[in-house]
Amino acid sequence: MIRIGIVGTSSISERFAEAVSVVDGVEVRRVASRDEERARAFAEKIGAPGIALGLEGLLDAGDIDAVYLASPNSAHVAQAQTVLDAGIPVLVEKPATLTAPQWEELVGRAAARGVVLLEAMRSAYDPGLAAVADLLPRLGTVRRVSLRYEKRSARYDHVLAGEQTNIFDPALGGSALRDLGVYPLHALVQLFGVPRAVQGVRIGIASGTDGLGSALAAYDGFVADIAWSKITDTALSSEIQGEGASLRIDAIDAPRVLEVTPRGGDVEVVRVEAHENVMVGEVERFRDAIGGADIHADQERTTATLRLVDALLAEPLR
């Protein structure tokens, strides 16, 4: 049994704990927070038997086999370094780091110590994305890829009220691109490889970061457009257009309804069966990685995605 310690008490940590509860071979052993009261309340909520004061207290407990980091983006690197130096496998919530070079340093550190390091990019291990990949040959030559993740955050109201909040705070690594844009970017890399070039526009908001944006990625023979937003909603689907057929995708982060429309033909609906908790796949992958599964390709996809994010972040806010 792999005993996992969770760092962070947000809603994503709660969903992670729920995913762990349905995956064989893993369990949540402790919850770590700098606030003992908060750690205890969260541990009781998810049914974890133990707590710890901060990351150091978690590592000193002596009964943790792996760590899941769900702390603010800006804290990931230092915390991951500490966990890896302790010889303990780490699953770090996306975006794993704020820059690609930071991730590459962590990958090298993990390799030198023989320790597992994996980004918790849930969509990469979702059966829906695998179903999309399986349908690509039916489209013929791909000419256009349009992937999007646009969902207004309730916390945007705080920004509109003149307040600062973590997910929109650039000092903590907050950014709509980092939070939601990474999903279509990672899916793009996973499905089609690394583009030859990428350019984008990010729209700034009062908190000092991007609230939404778009990017164009160039491939040999086709173009990809990416859209992300945390300040607006959309009713649009993602789509992949081929010369022989098009494929509509209801949600790129967790595809469940896929529609294949052959040129001049009728729509075929493909429904994807998946667990209700979208984080189950990443927990299974982390467990398997600790068991010896090769995750070099996983790490390389994270590197490629972060390089695209770096390139887009280099553009000034509009």
Protein backbone atom coordinates (compact mmCIF):
# COMPACT_ATOMS: atom_id res chain seq x y z
CA MET A 1 0.00 0.00 0.00
CA ILE A 2 1.42 3.37 -1.05
CA ARG A 3 0.76 5.90 1.72
CA ILE A 4 0.28 9.40 0.33
CA GLY A 5 0.62 12.71 2.11
CA ILE A 6 -1.35 15.66 0.73
CA VAL A 7 0.02 19.19 0.87
CA GLY A 8 -2.85 21.65 0.50
CA THR A 9 -6.46 21.71 1.66
CA SER A 10 -8.28 23.14 -1.35
CA SER A 11 -11.16 21.58 -3.28
CA ILE A 12 -8.74 19.94 -5.71
CA SER A 13 -7.11 18.11 -2.79
CA GLU A 14 -10.54 16.85 -1.80
CA ARG A 15 -11.18 15.51 -5.31
CA PHE A 16 -7.74 13.92 -5.30
CA ALA A 17 -8.49 12.15 -2.01
CA GLU A 18 -11.77 10.88 -3.47
CA ALA A 19 -9.87 9.52 -6.48
CA VAL A 20 -7.32 7.81 -4.24
CA SER A 21 -10.15 6.09 -2.36
CA VAL A 22 -11.25 4.20 -5.49
CA VAL A 23 -7.77 3.23 -6.75
CA ASP A 24 -6.24 -0.01 -5.52
CA GLY A 25 -2.85 0.11 -3.84
CA VAL A 26 -2.91 3.69 -2.58
CA GLU A 27 -4.30 5.55 0.41
CA VAL A 28 -4.15 9.03 1.90
CA ARG A 29 -2.21 8.82 5.16
CA ARG A 30 -1.72 12.45 6.21
CA VAL A 31 -2.77 15.98 5.36
CA ALA A 32 -0.22 18.77 5.74
CA SER A 33 -0.97 22.42 6.36
CA ARG A 34 0.77 25.24 8.19
CA ASP A 35 -2.52 25.68 10.06
CA GLU A 36 -3.07 22.71 12.40
CA GLU A 37 -6.76 23.41 12.79
CA ARG A 38 -7.25 23.53 9.04
CA ALA A 39 -5.26 20.33 8.55
CA ARG A 40 -7.31 18.51 11.18
CA ALA A 41 -10.64 19.68 9.78
CA PHE A 42 -9.66 18.66 6.25
CA ALA A 43 -8.30 15.29 7.36
CA GLU A 44 -11.59 14.56 9.10
CA LYS A 45 -13.49 15.63 6.01
CA ILE A 46 -11.65 13.21 3.69
CA GLY A 47 -11.11 10.45 6.25
CA ALA A 48 -7.33 10.73 6.52
CA PRO A 49 -5.97 9.25 9.76
CA GLY A 50 -3.16 11.76 10.30
CA ILE A 51 -2.06 15.37 9.89
CA ALA A 52 1.24 17.22 9.79
CA LEU A 53 2.36 20.80 10.32
CA GLY A 54 3.78 21.88 7.01
CA LEU A 55 5.82 19.92 4.50
CA GLU A 56 8.72 19.31 6.88
CA GLY A 57 6.37 17.82 9.45
CA LEU A 58 4.93 15.57 6.76
CA LEU A 59 8.34 14.26 5.74
CA ASP A 60 9.43 13.84 9.35
CA ALA A 61 6.37 11.71 10.16
CA GLY A 62 8.10 8.64 8.75
CA ASP A 63 4.92 6.98 7.45
CA ILE A 64 4.62 8.61 4.02
CA ASP A 65 5.63 6.83 0.79
CA ALA A 66 4.63 9.58 -1.65
CA VAL A 67 3.51 13.21 -1.68
CA TYR A 68 0.85 15.06 -3.66
CA LEU A 69 1.51 18.80 -3.92
CA ALA A 70 -1.59 20.97 -4.34
CA SER A 71 -0.09 24.18 -3.00
CA PRO A 72 -0.05 27.56 -4.84
CA ASN A 73 1.81 27.39 -8.17
CA SER A 74 4.66 29.54 -6.90
CA ALA A 75 5.45 27.05 -4.11
CA HIS A 76 5.73 23.94 -6.29
CA VAL A 77 9.42 24.09 -7.14
CA ALA A 78 10.82 24.53 -3.64
CA GLN A 79 8.44 21.96 -2.18
CA ALA A 80 9.13 19.42 -4.92
CA GLN A 81 12.87 19.87 -4.42
CA THR A 82 12.49 19.18 -0.72
CA VAL A 83 10.41 16.05 -1.30
CA LEU A 84 12.73 14.69 -3.98
CA ASP A 85 15.79 15.35 -1.82
CA ALA A 86 14.11 13.24 0.85
CA GLY A 87 13.91 10.39 -1.67
CA ILE A 88 10.12 10.42 -1.80
CA PRO A 89 8.05 10.27 -5.04
CA VAL A 90 6.07 13.41 -5.80
CA LEU A 91 2.96 14.12 -7.84
CA VAL A 92 2.73 17.87 -8.38
CA GLU A 93 -0.47 19.59 -9.45
CA LYS A 94 -0.46 21.33 -12.80
CA PRO A 95 1.17 23.56 -13.75
CA ALA A 96 4.03 21.67 -12.15
CA THR A 97 6.32 24.68 -12.32
CA LEU A 98 6.15 28.28 -13.50
CA THR A 99 8.73 27.74 -16.28
CA ALA A 100 10.05 24.90 -18.39
CA PRO A 101 13.65 25.24 -17.08
CA GLN A 102 12.35 24.82 -13.53
CA TRP A 103 10.63 21.59 -14.54
CA GLU A 104 13.75 20.34 -16.32
CA GLU A 105 15.77 20.96 -13.16
CA LEU A 106 13.27 18.93 -11.13
CA VAL A 107 13.33 16.10 -13.68
CA GLY A 108 17.13 15.99 -13.48
CA ARG A 109 17.02 16.07 -9.69
CA ALA A 110 14.50 13.22 -9.61
CA ALA A 111 16.56 11.13 -12.03
CA ALA A 112 19.73 11.67 -10.01
CA ARG A 113 17.99 10.41 -6.90
CA GLY A 114 16.04 7.64 -8.61
CA VAL A 115 12.73 9.12 -7.48
CA VAL A 116 9.43 9.40 -9.34
CA LEU A 117 8.33 12.89 -10.41
CA LEU A 118 5.03 13.31 -12.27
CA GLU A 119 2.81 16.26 -13.12
CA ALA A 120 -0.85 15.80 -12.17
CA MET A 121 -2.17 16.61 -15.65
CA ARG A 122 -5.43 14.70 -15.30
CA SER A 123 -6.51 15.07 -18.93
CA ALA A 124 -3.40 13.19 -20.08
CA TYR A 125 -4.69 10.04 -18.36
CA ASP A 126 -8.36 10.47 -19.20
CA PRO A 127 -9.95 7.77 -21.39
CA GLY A 128 -11.64 10.52 -23.36
CA LEU A 129 -8.39 11.82 -24.79
CA ALA A 130 -7.39 8.26 -25.69
CA ALA A 131 -10.72 7.94 -27.53
CA VAL A 132 -9.96 11.13 -29.47
CA ALA A 133 -6.59 9.72 -30.51
CA ASP A 134 -8.24 6.48 -31.66
CA LEU A 135 -10.64 8.42 -33.91
CA LEU A 136 -8.01 10.57 -35.64
CA PRO A 137 -7.29 8.09 -38.47
CA ARG A 138 -10.95 8.36 -39.54
CA LEU A 139 -10.59 12.08 -40.24
CA GLY A 140 -8.12 11.78 -43.08
CA THR A 141 -5.44 14.44 -43.38
CA VAL A 142 -5.83 16.85 -40.47
CA ARG A 143 -5.93 20.50 -41.52
CA ARG A 144 -7.25 22.44 -38.52
CA VAL A 145 -7.30 21.81 -34.78
CA SER A 146 -9.37 24.06 -32.50
CA LEU A 147 -9.08 23.32 -28.79
CA ARG A 148 -10.54 25.43 -26.01
CA TYR A 149 -11.14 25.57 -22.28
CA GLU A 150 -13.15 28.61 -21.24
CA LYS A 151 -14.93 28.70 -17.89
CA ARG A 152 -15.63 31.77 -15.80
CA SER A 153 -14.31 31.50 -12.27
CA ALA A 154 -16.53 32.66 -9.42
CA ARG A 155 -13.42 34.22 -7.94
CA TYR A 156 -13.27 36.68 -10.82
CA ASP A 157 -15.94 38.57 -8.88
CA HIS A 158 -13.27 39.30 -6.25
CA VAL A 159 -11.07 40.86 -8.91
CA LEU A 160 -13.97 42.96 -10.16
CA ALA A 161 -14.50 44.11 -6.57
CA GLY A 162 -10.88 45.27 -6.37
CA GLU A 163 -9.65 42.34 -4.30
CA GLN A 164 -6.76 39.96 -4.96
CA THR A 165 -7.26 36.19 -5.02
CA ASN A 166 -4.77 33.35 -5.39
CA ILE A 167 -5.72 32.05 -8.83
CA PHE A 168 -5.53 35.55 -10.31
CA ASP A 169 -2.48 36.70 -8.32
CA PRO A 170 0.65 36.84 -10.54
CA ALA A 171 2.84 36.79 -7.41
CA LEU A 172 1.56 33.26 -6.74
CA GLY A 173 1.80 32.16 -10.36
CA GLY A 174 -1.90 32.79 -10.97
CA SER A 175 -2.89 32.96 -14.63
CA ALA A 176 -5.75 31.76 -16.80
CA LEU A 177 -3.15 30.37 -19.21
CA ARG A 178 -1.44 28.38 -16.48
CA ASP A 179 -4.69 27.24 -14.90
CA LEU A 180 -6.87 26.40 -17.92
CA GLY A 181 -4.83 27.05 -21.05
CA VAL A 182 -2.47 24.22 -20.19
CA TYR A 183 -5.26 21.68 -20.81
CA PRO A 184 -5.70 22.33 -24.55
CA LEU A 185 -1.97 22.96 -24.96
CA HIS A 186 -1.06 19.65 -23.30
CA ALA A 187 -3.73 17.82 -25.34
CA LEU A 188 -2.33 19.39 -28.50
CA VAL A 189 1.16 18.12 -27.71
CA GLN A 190 -0.13 14.70 -26.70
CA LEU A 191 -2.17 14.26 -29.87
CA PHE A 192 0.05 15.93 -32.47
CA GLY A 193 3.49 16.53 -31.00
CA VAL A 194 5.33 19.83 -30.60
CA PRO A 195 4.37 22.63 -33.03
CA ARG A 196 6.98 24.39 -35.14
CA ALA A 197 5.96 27.77 -33.76
CA VAL A 198 3.39 29.38 -31.49
CA GLN A 199 2.12 32.93 -31.13
CA GLY A 200 -0.60 34.29 -28.91
CA VAL A 201 -2.45 37.17 -27.33
CA ARG A 202 -3.30 37.41 -23.62
CA ILE A 203 -5.87 39.84 -22.28
CA GLY A 204 -4.95 41.33 -18.92
CA ILE A 205 -7.26 41.95 -15.97
CA ALA A 206 -7.00 44.20 -12.92
CA SER A 207 -5.17 41.62 -10.80
CA GLY A 208 -2.15 41.88 -13.12
CA THR A 209 -2.40 38.57 -14.96
CA ASP A 210 -4.23 37.23 -18.01
CA GLY A 211 -7.94 36.51 -17.79
CA LEU A 212 -8.22 34.96 -21.24
CA GLY A 213 -6.27 34.51 -24.44
CA SER A 214 -5.80 32.77 -27.75
CA ALA A 215 -2.86 31.19 -29.54
CA LEU A 216 -1.99 29.90 -33.00
CA ALA A 217 0.34 26.94 -33.35
CA ALA A 218 1.92 26.01 -36.68
CA TYR A 219 2.45 22.41 -37.81
CA ASP A 220 3.47 21.02 -41.16
CA GLY A 221 0.22 20.84 -43.11
CA PHE A 222 -2.18 22.20 -40.51
CA VAL A 223 -2.81 24.95 -38.01
CA ALA A 224 -4.04 24.76 -34.41
CA ASP A 225 -5.88 27.48 -32.54
CA ILE A 226 -6.10 27.40 -28.76
CA ALA A 227 -8.48 29.42 -26.57
CA TRP A 228 -8.62 29.76 -22.79
CA SER A 229 -10.53 31.93 -20.33
CA LYS A 230 -11.33 32.21 -16.65
CA ILE A 231 -13.47 35.34 -17.06
CA THR A 232 -16.00 34.18 -19.68
CA ASP A 233 -17.97 31.04 -20.50
CA THR A 234 -18.49 29.39 -23.87
CA ALA A 235 -20.99 27.08 -25.51
CA LEU A 236 -18.49 26.10 -28.20
CA SER A 237 -16.87 22.68 -28.51
CA SER A 238 -13.34 21.78 -29.46
CA GLU A 239 -12.98 20.44 -32.99
CA ILE A 240 -10.49 18.66 -35.22
CA GLN A 241 -11.05 19.06 -38.96
CA GLY A 242 -9.73 16.54 -41.44
CA GLU A 243 -10.13 16.35 -45.20
CA GLY A 244 -12.37 13.32 -44.79
CA ALA A 245 -14.30 14.11 -41.60
CA SER A 246 -14.51 16.41 -38.61
CA LEU A 247 -14.49 15.52 -34.92
CA ARG A 248 -16.31 17.58 -32.29
CA ILE A 249 -15.17 17.21 -28.68
CA ASP A 250 -17.48 18.33 -25.90
CA ALA A 251 -14.73 19.13 -23.37
CA ILE A 252 -11.01 18.86 -24.05
CA ASP A 253 -10.14 18.35 -20.37
CA ALA A 254 -12.48 15.34 -20.08
CA PRO A 255 -13.98 14.28 -23.44
CA ARG A 256 -17.21 12.34 -22.97
CA VAL A 257 -19.25 12.98 -26.15
CA LEU A 258 -17.42 12.83 -29.48
CA GLU A 259 -19.15 13.49 -32.79
CA VAL A 260 -17.60 12.26 -36.04
CA THR A 261 -19.07 13.83 -39.17
CA PRO A 262 -17.80 12.33 -42.46
CA ARG A 263 -17.76 14.67 -45.43
CA GLY A 264 -21.28 14.46 -46.84
CA GLY A 265 -22.31 11.84 -44.27
CA ASP A 266 -24.28 11.53 -41.07
CA VAL A 267 -23.02 12.31 -37.60
CA GLU A 268 -21.81 9.38 -35.49
CA VAL A 269 -21.85 9.95 -31.74
CA VAL A 270 -19.23 8.18 -29.64
CA ARG A 271 -19.78 8.23 -25.89
CA VAL A 272 -16.82 7.70 -23.58
CA GLU A 273 -17.22 5.65 -20.42
CA ALA A 274 -15.15 7.02 -17.57
CA HIS A 275 -15.11 7.27 -13.81
CA GLU A 276 -17.07 10.19 -12.38
CA ASN A 277 -13.91 11.47 -10.66
CA VAL A 278 -11.68 12.82 -13.42
CA MET A 279 -8.52 12.47 -11.30
CA VAL A 280 -8.60 8.67 -11.10
CA GLY A 281 -6.36 8.25 -14.15
CA GLU A 282 -3.54 10.39 -12.76
CA VAL A 283 -3.63 8.54 -9.44
CA GLU A 284 -3.36 5.22 -11.29
CA ARG A 285 -0.47 6.53 -13.37
CA PHE A 286 1.35 7.79 -10.27
CA ARG A 287 0.86 4.42 -8.56
CA ASP A 288 2.16 2.60 -11.64
CA ALA A 289 5.13 4.96 -11.92
CA ILE A 290 6.12 4.18 -8.34
CA GLY A 291 5.78 0.53 -9.32
CA GLY A 292 8.29 0.98 -12.14
CA ALA A 293 6.32 2.24 -15.16
CA ASP A 294 8.40 4.38 -17.55
CA ILE A 295 7.26 8.01 -17.35
CA HIS A 296 9.94 9.67 -19.48
CA ALA A 297 7.38 10.45 -22.20
CA ASP A 298 5.04 11.93 -19.58
CA GLN A 299 7.79 14.22 -18.32
CA GLU A 300 8.73 15.25 -21.87
CA ARG A 301 5.11 16.24 -22.63
CA THR A 302 5.13 18.42 -19.52
CA THR A 303 8.38 20.01 -20.69
CA ALA A 304 6.97 20.68 -24.16
CA THR A 305 3.75 22.16 -22.77
CA LEU A 306 5.60 24.44 -20.35
CA ARG A 307 7.82 25.68 -23.19
CA LEU A 308 4.69 26.69 -25.08
CA VAL A 309 3.37 28.43 -21.96
CA ASP A 310 6.71 30.22 -21.55
CA ALA A 311 6.54 31.44 -25.14
CA LEU A 312 3.00 32.75 -24.68
CA LEU A 313 3.79 34.38 -21.35
CA ALA A 314 6.65 36.25 -23.03
CA GLU A 315 4.05 38.24 -24.96
CA PRO A 316 2.89 41.39 -23.12
CA LEU A 317 -0.63 41.58 -21.75
CA ARG A 318 -3.07 43.46 -23.96
